[in-house]
Amino acid sequence: MSLAAVDLQEKDTKIIDVAAKYGYHSPTAFNRAFQSVHGIAPSAVKNEGVSVKSFPPVSFKITVKGAEEMNYRIEKKETFRIVGVSVPLQKDIEDNFTVIPSKWQEVSMNGTLQRLAGMMDMPPMGVLGVSVCNDKETWRYYIAVPSSKEKADFEEYTVPAATWAIFPGEGTNQSIQELERRIVTEWLPTSGYEYGDAPDIEVYLNPDPANAKYEVWIPVVKKQ
């Protein structure tokens, strides 16, 4: 049902063809099975922004993995501008686990976050953590907000147009790291998508570090 949802997001895909592909010779049976998993009819998946669920395959090692559902939606976004502050990202991932939290603490303590919040005037309406890691630009991590206002003494960056897989979550900083890990190791390999050429984005929808509401945006393209 997870792969069927990906197929149905293609504009010209017929529900009856997807049903047959996954062994359902009765459209009614496919519709019933699809709704029991995703909570919506197959026809509703073609509406942009509709949430569906992904159940990665169960694997057996010492413990059973992949049994917990992951909600996500696919959205296409045009380019948008962000303003904020940044730090260099290192090729050694472990180094970033020290640098990035320190920068968040700094901007929280010196009033930068409050200033940025006042400049936010376009979606996504939240404070962003944007990881720019590609072969064309210097690797950097931005703490920023979407804004059309003068950047003042802040840096600016234009997030390119892309298709995003968007995963909602809530909890602590550790919980967002766990969600990001599951997206890459469990969802992406079985999703029918692969990484697109755009930054990863964390969208913090409220400022409470102990009980944050957030979204993780992963740029994706359909596998050929």
Protein backbone atom coordinates (compact mmCIF):
# COMPACT_ATOMS: atom_id res chain seq x y z
CA MET A 1 0.00 0.00 0.00
CA SER A 2 2.94 2.36 0.57
CA LEU A 3 4.21 1.81 -2.99
CA ALA A 4 0.67 2.02 -4.36
CA ALA A 5 0.31 5.49 -2.79
CA VAL A 6 3.52 6.61 -4.54
CA ASP A 7 2.26 5.31 -7.91
CA LEU A 8 -1.10 7.04 -7.50
CA GLN A 9 0.59 10.41 -7.02
CA GLU A 10 1.53 10.34 -10.71
CA LYS A 11 -0.96 12.53 -12.60
CA ASP A 12 -1.94 10.11 -15.37
CA THR A 13 -1.92 6.87 -13.35
CA LYS A 14 -5.24 4.97 -13.31
CA ILE A 15 -6.42 3.45 -10.04
CA ILE A 16 -7.45 0.21 -11.75
CA ASP A 17 -3.93 -0.21 -13.20
CA VAL A 18 -2.32 0.30 -9.79
CA ALA A 19 -4.77 -2.17 -8.21
CA ALA A 20 -3.86 -4.81 -10.79
CA LYS A 21 -0.12 -4.14 -10.35
CA TYR A 22 -0.35 -5.04 -6.66
CA GLY A 23 -2.52 -8.11 -7.13
CA TYR A 24 -6.00 -6.66 -6.61
CA HIS A 25 -8.29 -7.81 -9.42
CA SER A 26 -11.28 -6.15 -7.73
CA PRO A 27 -11.18 -2.32 -7.53
CA THR A 28 -13.50 -2.54 -4.51
CA ALA A 29 -11.07 -4.77 -2.63
CA PHE A 30 -8.18 -2.45 -3.48
CA ASN A 31 -10.17 0.60 -2.36
CA ARG A 32 -11.06 -1.09 0.95
CA ALA A 33 -7.46 -2.17 1.61
CA PHE A 34 -6.08 1.26 0.67
CA GLN A 35 -8.49 3.11 2.97
CA SER A 36 -7.74 0.76 5.87
CA VAL A 37 -4.03 1.69 5.62
CA HIS A 38 -4.08 5.36 4.63
CA GLY A 39 -7.51 6.48 5.87
CA ILE A 40 -8.41 8.03 2.50
CA ALA A 41 -9.71 6.80 -0.85
CA PRO A 42 -7.16 6.08 -3.63
CA SER A 43 -8.64 8.88 -5.73
CA ALA A 44 -7.84 11.45 -3.00
CA VAL A 45 -4.08 10.81 -3.24
CA LYS A 46 -3.85 12.87 -6.44
CA ASN A 47 -4.73 16.03 -4.46
CA GLU A 48 -1.48 17.85 -3.66
CA GLY A 49 -0.66 18.01 0.05
CA VAL A 50 -2.71 14.94 1.06
CA SER A 51 -0.99 12.88 3.78
CA VAL A 52 -0.40 9.16 3.25
CA LYS A 53 1.48 6.59 5.30
CA SER A 54 4.58 4.53 4.75
CA PHE A 55 5.16 1.14 6.41
CA PRO A 56 8.75 0.06 5.73
CA PRO A 57 9.22 -3.70 5.37
CA VAL A 58 9.58 -5.66 8.61
CA SER A 59 13.11 -7.03 9.04
CA PHE A 60 14.25 -9.55 11.64
CA LYS A 61 17.50 -9.12 13.49
CA ILE A 62 17.59 -8.91 17.27
CA THR A 63 14.43 -6.80 17.25
CA VAL A 64 11.61 -6.23 14.78
CA LYS A 65 12.01 -2.97 12.84
CA GLY A 66 9.81 -1.07 10.46
CA ALA A 67 6.49 -1.77 12.21
CA GLU A 68 5.86 1.85 13.22
CA GLU A 69 4.01 3.89 10.62
CA MET A 70 5.42 7.11 9.16
CA ASN A 71 3.05 9.83 7.98
CA TYR A 72 4.18 12.00 5.08
CA ARG A 73 2.92 14.10 2.22
CA ILE A 74 4.41 15.08 -1.13
CA GLU A 75 4.38 18.77 -2.11
CA LYS A 76 5.91 20.77 -4.95
CA LYS A 77 7.29 24.18 -3.98
CA GLU A 78 8.64 27.07 -6.01
CA THR A 79 11.86 28.83 -4.98
CA PHE A 80 11.71 30.82 -1.76
CA ARG A 81 14.14 33.15 -0.01
CA ILE A 82 15.37 32.74 3.56
CA VAL A 83 17.33 35.13 5.78
CA GLY A 84 19.32 34.23 8.87
CA VAL A 85 22.73 33.10 10.06
CA SER A 86 24.86 30.13 9.08
CA VAL A 87 27.81 27.98 10.03
CA PRO A 88 30.03 25.83 7.78
CA LEU A 89 29.19 22.13 7.59
CA GLN A 90 31.98 19.60 7.82
CA LYS A 91 32.35 16.49 5.68
CA ASP A 92 32.87 14.62 8.96
CA ILE A 93 29.26 14.32 10.16
CA GLU A 94 30.25 13.85 13.81
CA ASP A 95 31.77 17.36 13.91
CA ASN A 96 28.42 18.87 12.95
CA PHE A 97 26.70 17.33 15.98
CA THR A 98 28.73 19.76 18.08
CA VAL A 99 28.74 22.86 15.85
CA ILE A 100 25.03 23.00 15.01
CA PRO A 101 23.59 22.68 18.57
CA SER A 102 26.08 25.32 19.74
CA LYS A 103 24.87 27.73 17.06
CA TRP A 104 21.22 27.16 18.03
CA GLN A 105 22.08 27.90 21.65
CA GLU A 106 23.92 31.06 20.63
CA VAL A 107 21.07 32.50 18.54
CA SER A 108 18.57 31.61 21.27
CA MET A 109 20.55 33.47 23.92
CA ASN A 110 21.58 36.61 22.02
CA GLY A 111 18.17 37.64 20.67
CA THR A 112 18.77 36.55 17.07
CA LEU A 113 15.85 34.11 17.03
CA GLN A 114 13.46 36.82 18.21
CA ARG A 115 14.68 39.18 15.48
CA LEU A 116 14.29 36.48 12.83
CA ALA A 117 10.78 35.61 13.99
CA GLY A 118 9.80 39.22 13.37
CA MET A 119 11.02 38.99 9.75
CA MET A 120 9.02 35.86 8.87
CA ASP A 121 6.34 36.77 6.31
CA MET A 122 5.88 33.79 3.96
CA PRO A 123 5.47 30.01 4.23
CA PRO A 124 6.68 27.72 5.59
CA MET A 125 5.85 29.66 8.76
CA GLY A 126 8.52 28.45 11.15
CA VAL A 127 12.17 28.79 12.06
CA LEU A 128 14.18 26.69 9.63
CA GLY A 129 17.30 24.59 9.88
CA VAL A 130 18.56 24.31 6.28
CA SER A 131 21.42 21.95 5.37
CA VAL A 132 23.04 22.91 2.06
CA CYS A 133 25.23 19.99 0.97
CA ASN A 134 25.97 19.66 -2.74
CA ASP A 135 28.83 19.79 -5.21
CA LYS A 136 28.03 23.32 -6.43
CA GLU A 137 28.07 25.31 -3.19
CA THR A 138 30.03 25.55 0.04
CA TRP A 139 28.42 23.29 2.62
CA ARG A 140 26.54 25.40 5.19
CA TYR A 141 23.78 25.08 7.78
CA TYR A 142 21.37 28.01 8.00
CA ILE A 143 19.19 28.98 10.95
CA ALA A 144 16.75 31.21 9.14
CA VAL A 145 13.16 32.18 8.29
CA PRO A 146 11.35 32.66 4.98
CA SER A 147 11.22 36.40 4.34
CA SER A 148 10.78 39.04 1.65
CA LYS A 149 12.08 41.82 3.93
CA GLU A 150 15.45 43.57 3.79
CA LYS A 151 18.06 41.20 5.17
CA ALA A 152 19.78 43.88 7.34
CA ASP A 153 22.89 42.23 8.83
CA PHE A 154 21.68 38.69 8.11
CA GLU A 155 22.71 36.32 5.33
CA GLU A 156 20.29 35.24 2.63
CA TYR A 157 19.85 32.07 0.60
CA THR A 158 17.38 31.00 -2.09
CA VAL A 159 15.94 27.52 -1.61
CA PRO A 160 15.49 26.04 -5.11
CA ALA A 161 12.18 24.78 -6.48
CA ALA A 162 11.74 21.10 -5.66
CA THR A 163 9.38 18.30 -4.79
CA TRP A 164 9.49 17.54 -1.07
CA ALA A 165 8.55 14.56 1.06
CA ILE A 166 7.35 16.22 4.28
CA PHE A 167 7.24 14.31 7.57
CA PRO A 168 5.53 15.83 10.64
CA GLY A 169 6.75 15.11 14.17
CA GLU A 170 6.87 16.34 17.74
CA GLY A 171 9.10 15.91 20.76
CA THR A 172 12.69 16.86 21.63
CA ASN A 173 15.78 17.50 19.52
CA GLN A 174 16.59 13.80 19.87
CA SER A 175 13.23 12.86 18.36
CA ILE A 176 13.83 14.90 15.19
CA GLN A 177 17.22 13.22 14.77
CA GLU A 178 15.53 9.82 15.11
CA LEU A 179 12.89 10.81 12.53
CA GLU A 180 15.60 11.92 10.10
CA ARG A 181 17.42 8.62 10.60
CA ARG A 182 14.26 6.60 9.91
CA ILE A 183 13.48 8.61 6.78
CA VAL A 184 16.88 7.82 5.26
CA THR A 185 17.25 4.22 6.43
CA GLU A 186 13.64 2.96 6.33
CA TRP A 187 11.40 5.16 4.18
CA LEU A 188 13.63 6.28 1.32
CA PRO A 189 14.88 2.83 0.18
CA THR A 190 11.30 1.51 -0.20
CA SER A 191 9.50 4.70 -1.23
CA GLY A 192 9.93 4.74 -5.00
CA TYR A 193 11.81 8.04 -4.63
CA GLU A 194 15.44 9.08 -4.40
CA TYR A 195 17.15 12.22 -3.13
CA GLY A 196 16.63 15.36 -5.18
CA ASP A 197 19.06 18.24 -5.71
CA ALA A 198 17.99 20.60 -2.92
CA PRO A 199 18.76 21.13 0.78
CA ASP A 200 17.30 19.14 3.67
CA ILE A 201 15.04 21.38 5.78
CA GLU A 202 13.87 21.21 9.38
CA VAL A 203 10.80 23.39 10.00
CA TYR A 204 10.26 24.22 13.69
CA LEU A 205 6.60 25.16 14.08
CA ASN A 206 6.83 26.15 17.76
CA PRO A 207 9.77 27.30 19.90
CA ASP A 208 9.49 24.87 22.86
CA PRO A 209 12.70 22.77 22.77
CA ALA A 210 11.24 20.16 25.15
CA ASN A 211 8.01 19.63 23.20
CA ALA A 212 8.63 20.97 19.72
CA LYS A 213 6.33 20.52 16.74
CA TYR A 214 8.29 20.24 13.53
CA GLU A 215 8.46 18.96 9.98
CA VAL A 216 11.36 17.35 8.14
CA TRP A 217 11.50 18.19 4.41
CA ILE A 218 13.47 15.86 2.13
CA PRO A 219 13.87 16.78 -1.57
CA VAL A 220 12.85 13.83 -3.75
CA VAL A 221 12.50 12.74 -7.36
CA LYS A 222 10.76 9.62 -8.67
CA LYS A 223 13.10 6.72 -9.40
CA GLN A 224 13.44 5.97 -13.08
